[in-house]
């Protein structure tokens, strides 16, 4: 359920920016459920390519599945945590997309199920320039830039 909402929100946002998947960026949608296989990944890609509505960008979308050891290595590397709940037969996890630099380092996390197109666009630009940061860095920067005389941070709305 949540994964579909995250992918819907991401695809909607990407549809509103001028950058094209496969040219300026790539999308990796990775299943962390080892029971899901390539057939489901293929069907999901087809569905989201129809939603994205940009012919010729198929090479920029990658829907991946894998074995548990590979899933664990990847989720650990990007700091993504999840837990399987046997009662509900679902995975509990944060709703997030993760932007990576060209070298594969985490540049930014976007939380929630809707992402402002401007924020995603600027995040992609930032990641492409190998700029990295953590949530803690963003909070510290917010506190540092707070200007009580102006009642705000001076930050652009994308941060």
N, C-alpha and C. Protein backbone atom coordinates (compact mmCIF):
# COMPACT_ATOMS: atom_id res chain seq x y z
N UNK A 1 0.82 -1.19 0.00
CA UNK A 1 0.00 0.00 0.00
C UNK A 1 0.86 1.26 0.00
N UNK A 2 1.74 1.38 0.98
CA UNK A 2 2.54 2.59 1.11
C UNK A 2 3.51 2.75 -0.06
N UNK A 3 4.09 1.65 -0.49
CA UNK A 3 5.04 1.72 -1.61
C UNK A 3 4.37 2.29 -2.86
N UNK A 4 3.14 1.87 -3.11
CA UNK A 4 2.42 2.38 -4.27
C UNK A 4 2.17 3.87 -4.13
N UNK A 5 1.84 4.32 -2.93
CA UNK A 5 1.61 5.76 -2.72
C UNK A 5 2.90 6.55 -2.93
N UNK A 6 4.01 6.04 -2.45
CA UNK A 6 5.30 6.71 -2.64
C UNK A 6 5.63 6.79 -4.14
N UNK A 7 5.47 5.68 -4.84
CA UNK A 7 5.76 5.68 -6.29
C UNK A 7 4.80 6.58 -7.06
N UNK A 8 3.53 6.62 -6.65
CA UNK A 8 2.58 7.53 -7.29
C UNK A 8 3.00 8.98 -7.09
N UNK A 9 3.37 9.32 -5.86
CA UNK A 9 3.80 10.69 -5.56
C UNK A 9 5.06 11.07 -6.30
N UNK A 10 6.02 10.16 -6.35
CA UNK A 10 7.26 10.42 -7.08
C UNK A 10 6.98 10.62 -8.56
N UNK A 11 6.21 9.74 -9.15
CA UNK A 11 5.93 9.82 -10.58
C UNK A 11 5.17 11.10 -10.91
N UNK A 12 4.22 11.48 -10.07
CA UNK A 12 3.49 12.73 -10.29
C UNK A 12 4.43 13.92 -10.27
N UNK A 13 5.33 13.94 -9.31
CA UNK A 13 6.29 15.03 -9.22
C UNK A 13 7.22 15.06 -10.43
N UNK A 14 7.74 13.89 -10.80
CA UNK A 14 8.66 13.83 -11.95
C UNK A 14 7.97 14.25 -13.24
N UNK A 15 6.67 14.01 -13.34
CA UNK A 15 5.92 14.38 -14.54
C UNK A 15 5.83 15.89 -14.71
N UNK A 16 6.04 16.63 -13.63
CA UNK A 16 5.89 18.07 -13.67
C UNK A 16 7.21 18.83 -13.80
N UNK A 17 8.33 18.10 -13.84
CA UNK A 17 9.61 18.78 -14.04
C UNK A 17 10.11 18.51 -15.45
N UNK A 18 10.98 19.37 -15.94
CA UNK A 18 11.43 19.28 -17.33
C UNK A 18 12.49 18.20 -17.54
N UNK A 19 13.17 17.79 -16.49
CA UNK A 19 14.18 16.74 -16.63
C UNK A 19 13.51 15.44 -17.04
N UNK A 20 14.24 14.62 -17.78
CA UNK A 20 13.73 13.33 -18.23
C UNK A 20 14.51 12.18 -17.61
N UNK A 21 13.77 11.19 -17.15
CA UNK A 21 14.41 9.96 -16.66
C UNK A 21 15.22 9.36 -17.80
N UNK A 22 16.40 8.89 -17.47
CA UNK A 22 17.27 8.29 -18.48
C UNK A 22 18.21 9.30 -19.12
N UNK A 23 17.94 10.57 -18.94
CA UNK A 23 18.81 11.61 -19.47
C UNK A 23 19.50 12.35 -18.33
N UNK A 24 18.73 13.05 -17.51
CA UNK A 24 19.31 13.80 -16.39
C UNK A 24 19.38 12.99 -15.10
N UNK A 25 18.59 11.95 -14.99
CA UNK A 25 18.56 11.14 -13.77
C UNK A 25 17.99 9.76 -14.10
N UNK A 26 18.14 8.84 -13.17
CA UNK A 26 17.53 7.52 -13.27
C UNK A 26 16.70 7.28 -12.02
N UNK A 27 15.67 6.47 -12.15
CA UNK A 27 14.82 6.07 -11.03
C UNK A 27 15.07 4.59 -10.77
N UNK A 28 15.38 4.28 -9.52
CA UNK A 28 15.52 2.89 -9.09
C UNK A 28 14.44 2.64 -8.05
N UNK A 29 13.52 1.77 -8.37
CA UNK A 29 12.51 1.34 -7.40
C UNK A 29 12.90 -0.07 -7.00
N UNK A 30 13.26 -0.22 -5.74
CA UNK A 30 13.80 -1.49 -5.26
C UNK A 30 12.85 -2.12 -4.27
N UNK A 31 12.42 -3.34 -4.54
CA UNK A 31 11.58 -4.06 -3.61
C UNK A 31 12.46 -4.66 -2.51
N UNK A 32 12.03 -4.49 -1.26
CA UNK A 32 12.78 -5.12 -0.17
C UNK A 32 12.05 -6.37 0.33
N UNK A 33 11.06 -6.81 -0.43
CA UNK A 33 10.34 -8.06 -0.14
C UNK A 33 10.95 -9.15 -1.01
N UNK A 34 11.71 -10.08 -0.43
CA UNK A 34 12.36 -11.10 -1.24
C UNK A 34 11.38 -12.04 -1.94
N UNK A 35 10.11 -11.98 -1.56
CA UNK A 35 9.10 -12.81 -2.22
C UNK A 35 8.60 -12.22 -3.53
N UNK A 36 8.93 -10.96 -3.79
CA UNK A 36 8.52 -10.34 -5.05
C UNK A 36 9.58 -10.62 -6.10
N UNK A 37 9.14 -10.90 -7.30
CA UNK A 37 10.07 -11.28 -8.34
C UNK A 37 10.05 -10.38 -9.55
N UNK A 38 10.81 -10.76 -10.56
CA UNK A 38 10.95 -9.95 -11.78
C UNK A 38 9.64 -9.71 -12.52
N UNK A 39 8.69 -10.63 -12.45
CA UNK A 39 7.41 -10.44 -13.13
C UNK A 39 6.66 -9.25 -12.57
N UNK A 40 6.61 -9.14 -11.26
CA UNK A 40 5.95 -8.00 -10.62
C UNK A 40 6.70 -6.71 -10.96
N UNK A 41 8.03 -6.75 -10.93
CA UNK A 41 8.83 -5.57 -11.27
C UNK A 41 8.53 -5.11 -12.70
N UNK A 42 8.44 -6.04 -13.62
CA UNK A 42 8.13 -5.71 -15.02
C UNK A 42 6.76 -5.06 -15.12
N UNK A 43 5.76 -5.62 -14.43
CA UNK A 43 4.41 -5.06 -14.47
C UNK A 43 4.34 -3.67 -13.85
N UNK A 44 5.05 -3.48 -12.74
CA UNK A 44 5.08 -2.16 -12.10
C UNK A 44 5.73 -1.13 -13.01
N UNK A 45 6.82 -1.51 -13.65
CA UNK A 45 7.49 -0.57 -14.55
C UNK A 45 6.54 -0.17 -15.67
N UNK A 46 5.86 -1.12 -16.25
CA UNK A 46 4.93 -0.81 -17.33
C UNK A 46 3.86 0.17 -16.85
N UNK A 47 3.32 -0.08 -15.67
CA UNK A 47 2.28 0.78 -15.10
C UNK A 47 2.80 2.21 -14.88
N UNK A 48 4.00 2.33 -14.33
CA UNK A 48 4.52 3.67 -14.05
C UNK A 48 5.03 4.37 -15.31
N UNK A 49 5.42 3.65 -16.30
CA UNK A 49 5.79 4.29 -17.57
C UNK A 49 4.53 4.89 -18.21
N UNK A 50 3.40 4.21 -18.11
CA UNK A 50 2.14 4.75 -18.62
C UNK A 50 1.75 6.01 -17.84
N UNK A 51 1.98 6.00 -16.56
CA UNK A 51 1.65 7.15 -15.72
C UNK A 51 2.59 8.33 -15.99
N UNK A 52 3.86 8.05 -16.23
CA UNK A 52 4.87 9.09 -16.48
C UNK A 52 4.64 9.78 -17.83
N UNK A 53 4.16 9.07 -18.80
CA UNK A 53 3.76 9.60 -20.11
C UNK A 53 4.88 10.31 -20.87
N UNK A 54 6.07 9.74 -20.83
CA UNK A 54 7.17 10.30 -21.61
C UNK A 54 7.84 9.18 -22.40
N UNK A 55 7.38 8.98 -23.62
CA UNK A 55 7.98 7.92 -24.45
C UNK A 55 9.49 8.13 -24.59
N UNK A 56 10.20 7.02 -24.64
CA UNK A 56 11.65 7.07 -24.80
C UNK A 56 12.41 7.18 -23.50
N UNK A 57 11.72 7.19 -22.37
CA UNK A 57 12.41 7.29 -21.08
C UNK A 57 12.45 5.97 -20.33
N UNK A 58 12.03 4.91 -20.98
CA UNK A 58 11.96 3.60 -20.33
C UNK A 58 13.30 3.17 -19.74
N UNK A 59 14.39 3.53 -20.41
CA UNK A 59 15.72 3.15 -19.93
C UNK A 59 16.12 3.86 -18.64
N UNK A 60 15.36 4.87 -18.24
CA UNK A 60 15.66 5.61 -17.02
C UNK A 60 14.92 5.11 -15.79
N UNK A 61 14.04 4.13 -15.98
CA UNK A 61 13.30 3.55 -14.86
C UNK A 61 13.73 2.10 -14.67
N UNK A 62 14.08 1.76 -13.45
CA UNK A 62 14.55 0.42 -13.13
C UNK A 62 13.79 -0.08 -11.91
N UNK A 63 13.03 -1.14 -12.07
CA UNK A 63 12.29 -1.75 -10.97
C UNK A 63 13.00 -3.06 -10.64
N UNK A 64 13.58 -3.11 -9.45
CA UNK A 64 14.48 -4.21 -9.10
C UNK A 64 13.94 -5.05 -7.96
N UNK A 65 14.22 -6.34 -8.04
CA UNK A 65 13.94 -7.28 -6.97
C UNK A 65 15.24 -8.02 -6.68
N UNK A 66 15.29 -8.73 -5.57
CA UNK A 66 16.52 -9.44 -5.26
C UNK A 66 16.37 -10.41 -4.11
N UNK A 67 17.47 -11.03 -3.80
CA UNK A 67 17.53 -11.97 -2.67
C UNK A 67 17.81 -11.20 -1.39
N UNK A 68 17.46 -11.80 -0.27
CA UNK A 68 17.54 -11.12 1.02
C UNK A 68 18.91 -10.52 1.31
N UNK A 69 20.00 -11.24 1.00
CA UNK A 69 21.33 -10.70 1.33
C UNK A 69 21.63 -9.44 0.51
N UNK A 70 21.22 -9.39 -0.73
CA UNK A 70 21.43 -8.20 -1.56
C UNK A 70 20.55 -7.05 -1.08
N UNK A 71 19.32 -7.36 -0.70
CA UNK A 71 18.40 -6.36 -0.17
C UNK A 71 18.99 -5.74 1.10
N UNK A 72 19.48 -6.59 1.99
CA UNK A 72 20.06 -6.11 3.24
C UNK A 72 21.27 -5.21 2.99
N UNK A 73 22.13 -5.58 2.07
CA UNK A 73 23.31 -4.75 1.77
C UNK A 73 22.89 -3.38 1.25
N UNK A 74 21.92 -3.37 0.35
CA UNK A 74 21.47 -2.11 -0.23
C UNK A 74 20.78 -1.22 0.80
N UNK A 75 19.81 -1.78 1.54
CA UNK A 75 19.09 -0.96 2.51
C UNK A 75 20.01 -0.45 3.62
N UNK A 76 20.98 -1.26 4.03
CA UNK A 76 21.96 -0.80 5.02
C UNK A 76 22.81 0.34 4.46
N UNK A 77 23.21 0.23 3.21
CA UNK A 77 24.08 1.23 2.60
C UNK A 77 23.42 2.60 2.52
N UNK A 78 22.11 2.64 2.32
CA UNK A 78 21.42 3.93 2.20
C UNK A 78 20.69 4.34 3.48
N UNK A 79 20.79 3.53 4.52
CA UNK A 79 20.17 3.88 5.79
C UNK A 79 18.67 3.72 5.81
N UNK A 80 18.16 2.78 5.04
CA UNK A 80 16.72 2.54 4.98
C UNK A 80 16.38 1.36 5.89
N UNK A 81 15.47 1.58 6.83
CA UNK A 81 15.09 0.55 7.78
C UNK A 81 13.65 0.11 7.54
N UNK A 82 13.40 -1.14 7.75
CA UNK A 82 12.06 -1.69 7.61
C UNK A 82 11.96 -2.93 8.49
N UNK A 83 10.72 -3.34 8.78
CA UNK A 83 10.50 -4.54 9.58
C UNK A 83 9.25 -5.23 9.07
N UNK A 84 9.29 -6.53 9.04
CA UNK A 84 8.14 -7.31 8.61
C UNK A 84 7.22 -7.55 9.80
N UNK A 85 5.93 -7.29 9.61
CA UNK A 85 4.92 -7.51 10.64
C UNK A 85 4.10 -8.74 10.25
N UNK A 86 4.32 -9.84 10.97
CA UNK A 86 3.62 -11.09 10.63
C UNK A 86 2.10 -10.98 10.78
N UNK A 87 1.64 -10.22 11.77
CA UNK A 87 0.20 -10.08 12.00
C UNK A 87 -0.51 -9.52 10.77
N UNK A 88 0.06 -8.50 10.18
CA UNK A 88 -0.58 -7.84 9.03
C UNK A 88 -0.05 -8.36 7.71
N UNK A 89 1.02 -9.14 7.75
CA UNK A 89 1.68 -9.64 6.55
C UNK A 89 2.12 -8.48 5.66
N UNK A 90 2.66 -7.45 6.32
CA UNK A 90 3.15 -6.27 5.61
C UNK A 90 4.46 -5.82 6.21
N UNK A 91 5.13 -4.92 5.50
CA UNK A 91 6.38 -4.34 5.98
C UNK A 91 6.11 -2.94 6.52
N UNK A 92 6.66 -2.65 7.68
CA UNK A 92 6.60 -1.31 8.24
C UNK A 92 7.87 -0.58 7.85
N UNK A 93 7.69 0.62 7.30
CA UNK A 93 8.85 1.41 6.86
C UNK A 93 8.43 2.85 6.67
N UNK A 94 9.41 3.72 6.61
CA UNK A 94 9.15 5.13 6.35
C UNK A 94 8.77 5.33 4.89
N UNK A 95 7.94 6.32 4.66
CA UNK A 95 7.61 6.71 3.29
C UNK A 95 8.70 7.70 2.86
N UNK A 96 9.58 7.26 1.99
CA UNK A 96 10.71 8.11 1.61
C UNK A 96 11.24 7.77 0.24
N UNK A 97 11.79 8.79 -0.40
CA UNK A 97 12.60 8.57 -1.59
C UNK A 97 13.99 9.07 -1.24
N UNK A 98 14.98 8.47 -1.84
CA UNK A 98 16.37 8.80 -1.52
C UNK A 98 17.07 9.22 -2.81
N UNK A 99 17.69 10.39 -2.79
CA UNK A 99 18.45 10.84 -3.94
C UNK A 99 19.92 10.50 -3.71
N UNK A 100 20.54 9.94 -4.73
CA UNK A 100 21.95 9.55 -4.66
C UNK A 100 22.78 10.40 -5.61
N UNK A 101 24.04 10.58 -5.25
CA UNK A 101 24.98 11.26 -6.15
C UNK A 101 25.40 10.28 -7.24
N UNK A 102 26.06 10.76 -8.28
CA UNK A 102 26.55 9.84 -9.32
C UNK A 102 27.48 8.76 -8.77
N UNK A 103 28.15 9.03 -7.64
CA UNK A 103 29.03 8.04 -7.03
C UNK A 103 28.28 7.07 -6.12
N UNK A 104 26.98 7.28 -5.94
CA UNK A 104 26.18 6.38 -5.13
C UNK A 104 26.07 6.77 -3.67
N UNK A 105 26.46 7.98 -3.30
CA UNK A 105 26.32 8.45 -1.92
C UNK A 105 24.94 9.09 -1.75
N UNK A 106 24.38 8.95 -0.55
CA UNK A 106 23.10 9.56 -0.27
C UNK A 106 23.27 11.07 -0.24
N UNK A 107 22.48 11.76 -1.05
CA UNK A 107 22.49 13.21 -1.09
C UNK A 107 21.36 13.79 -0.24
N UNK A 108 20.19 13.20 -0.37
CA UNK A 108 19.02 13.77 0.32
C UNK A 108 17.93 12.71 0.46
N UNK A 109 17.17 12.84 1.54
CA UNK A 109 15.97 12.03 1.75
C UNK A 109 14.77 12.96 1.63
N UNK A 110 13.75 12.50 0.95
CA UNK A 110 12.47 13.20 0.92
C UNK A 110 11.46 12.27 1.59
N UNK A 111 10.81 12.77 2.65
CA UNK A 111 9.86 11.96 3.39
C UNK A 111 8.43 12.31 3.00
N UNK A 112 7.55 11.35 3.12
CA UNK A 112 6.14 11.55 2.82
C UNK A 112 5.75 10.82 1.55
N UNK A 113 4.57 11.15 1.05
CA UNK A 113 4.09 10.49 -0.17
C UNK A 113 3.83 11.47 -1.30
N UNK A 114 4.02 12.75 -1.03
CA UNK A 114 3.94 13.77 -2.06
C UNK A 114 5.20 14.60 -2.00
N UNK A 115 5.73 14.91 -3.17
CA UNK A 115 7.00 15.63 -3.24
C UNK A 115 6.82 16.82 -4.16
N UNK A 116 7.17 17.99 -3.66
CA UNK A 116 7.03 19.20 -4.48
C UNK A 116 7.99 19.09 -5.67
N UNK A 117 7.47 19.28 -6.89
CA UNK A 117 8.32 19.16 -8.07
C UNK A 117 9.57 20.05 -7.99
N UNK A 118 9.42 21.26 -7.49
CA UNK A 118 10.58 22.17 -7.38
C UNK A 118 11.63 21.57 -6.44
N UNK A 119 11.19 21.00 -5.33
CA UNK A 119 12.12 20.39 -4.38
C UNK A 119 12.87 19.23 -5.02
N UNK A 120 12.14 18.38 -5.72
CA UNK A 120 12.76 17.22 -6.37
C UNK A 120 13.75 17.69 -7.43
N UNK A 121 13.35 18.66 -8.24
CA UNK A 121 14.24 19.18 -9.28
C UNK A 121 15.53 19.73 -8.67
N UNK A 122 15.40 20.56 -7.64
CA UNK A 122 16.60 21.13 -7.01
C UNK A 122 17.41 20.04 -6.31
N UNK A 123 16.74 19.05 -5.74
CA UNK A 123 17.45 17.93 -5.13
C UNK A 123 18.25 17.14 -6.15
N UNK A 124 17.67 16.96 -7.34
CA UNK A 124 18.39 16.26 -8.41
C UNK A 124 19.61 17.05 -8.87
N UNK A 125 19.45 18.36 -8.97
CA UNK A 125 20.59 19.21 -9.36
C UNK A 125 21.68 19.11 -8.30
N UNK A 126 21.28 19.23 -7.04
CA UNK A 126 22.23 19.14 -5.93
C UNK A 126 22.95 17.79 -5.93
N UNK A 127 22.21 16.71 -6.08
CA UNK A 127 22.81 15.38 -6.08
C UNK A 127 23.77 15.23 -7.25
N UNK A 128 23.41 15.78 -8.41
CA UNK A 128 24.28 15.64 -9.59
C UNK A 128 25.62 16.33 -9.39
N UNK A 129 25.66 17.28 -8.46
CA UNK A 129 26.89 18.00 -8.15
C UNK A 129 27.62 17.39 -6.95
N UNK A 130 27.21 16.17 -6.59
CA UNK A 130 27.83 15.42 -5.50
C UNK A 130 27.72 16.10 -4.15
N UNK A 131 26.67 16.89 -3.96
CA UNK A 131 26.45 17.52 -2.67
C UNK A 131 25.69 16.53 -1.80
N UNK A 132 26.18 16.37 -0.59
CA UNK A 132 25.55 15.42 0.32
C UNK A 132 25.23 16.11 1.64
N UNK A 133 24.29 15.56 2.35
CA UNK A 133 23.90 16.09 3.65
C UNK A 133 22.98 15.12 4.33
N UNK A 134 22.78 15.33 5.60
CA UNK A 134 21.89 14.48 6.38
C UNK A 134 20.73 15.31 6.89
N UNK A 135 19.73 14.64 7.43
CA UNK A 135 18.61 15.34 8.04
C UNK A 135 19.13 16.23 9.16
N UNK A 136 20.07 15.72 9.93
CA UNK A 136 20.65 16.50 11.03
C UNK A 136 21.31 17.76 10.50
N UNK A 137 22.04 17.64 9.39
CA UNK A 137 22.67 18.81 8.78
C UNK A 137 21.62 19.85 8.40
N UNK A 138 20.51 19.39 7.83
CA UNK A 138 19.46 20.31 7.41
C UNK A 138 18.84 21.03 8.60
N UNK A 139 18.61 20.30 9.71
CA UNK A 139 18.03 20.91 10.91
C UNK A 139 19.01 21.91 11.51
N UNK A 140 20.27 21.54 11.58
CA UNK A 140 21.27 22.45 12.12
C UNK A 140 21.39 23.70 11.25
N UNK A 141 21.34 23.53 9.96
CA UNK A 141 21.41 24.67 9.07
C UNK A 141 20.18 25.56 9.24
N UNK A 142 19.02 24.95 9.42
CA UNK A 142 17.80 25.71 9.64
C UNK A 142 17.94 26.56 10.91
N UNK A 143 18.43 25.97 11.98
CA UNK A 143 18.61 26.70 13.24
C UNK A 143 19.64 27.82 13.06
N UNK A 144 20.69 27.54 12.34
CA UNK A 144 21.76 28.51 12.13
C UNK A 144 21.26 29.71 11.33
N UNK A 145 20.42 29.47 10.36
CA UNK A 145 19.96 30.55 9.49
C UNK A 145 18.72 31.27 9.99
N UNK A 146 18.18 30.88 11.14
CA UNK A 146 16.96 31.52 11.63
C UNK A 146 17.24 32.99 11.95
N UNK A 147 16.40 33.86 11.44
CA UNK A 147 16.53 35.30 11.65
C UNK A 147 15.27 35.79 12.37
N UNK A 148 15.36 36.00 13.69
CA UNK A 148 14.16 36.39 14.44
C UNK A 148 13.60 37.73 14.01
N UNK A 149 14.44 38.62 13.49
CA UNK A 149 13.93 39.93 13.07
C UNK A 149 13.07 39.83 11.82
N UNK A 150 13.31 38.78 11.02
CA UNK A 150 12.52 38.60 9.81
C UNK A 150 11.49 37.50 9.96
N UNK A 151 11.56 36.78 11.07
CA UNK A 151 10.58 35.73 11.34
C UNK A 151 10.71 34.52 10.43
N UNK A 152 11.87 34.27 9.93
CA UNK A 152 12.04 33.13 9.04
C UNK A 152 13.49 32.70 8.94
N UNK A 153 13.72 31.76 8.07
CA UNK A 153 15.05 31.19 7.96
C UNK A 153 15.85 31.78 6.82
N UNK A 154 15.20 32.38 5.86
CA UNK A 154 15.91 32.83 4.68
C UNK A 154 16.17 31.70 3.71
N UNK A 155 15.68 30.53 4.06
CA UNK A 155 15.86 29.36 3.20
C UNK A 155 14.91 29.41 2.04
N UNK A 156 15.33 28.94 0.89
CA UNK A 156 14.34 28.75 -0.18
C UNK A 156 13.39 27.63 0.25
N UNK A 157 12.20 27.62 -0.29
CA UNK A 157 11.20 26.64 0.12
C UNK A 157 11.59 25.21 -0.21
N UNK A 158 12.64 25.01 -0.99
CA UNK A 158 13.02 23.66 -1.39
C UNK A 158 13.79 22.91 -0.32
N UNK A 159 14.16 23.55 0.74
CA UNK A 159 14.99 22.87 1.74
C UNK A 159 14.18 22.46 2.92
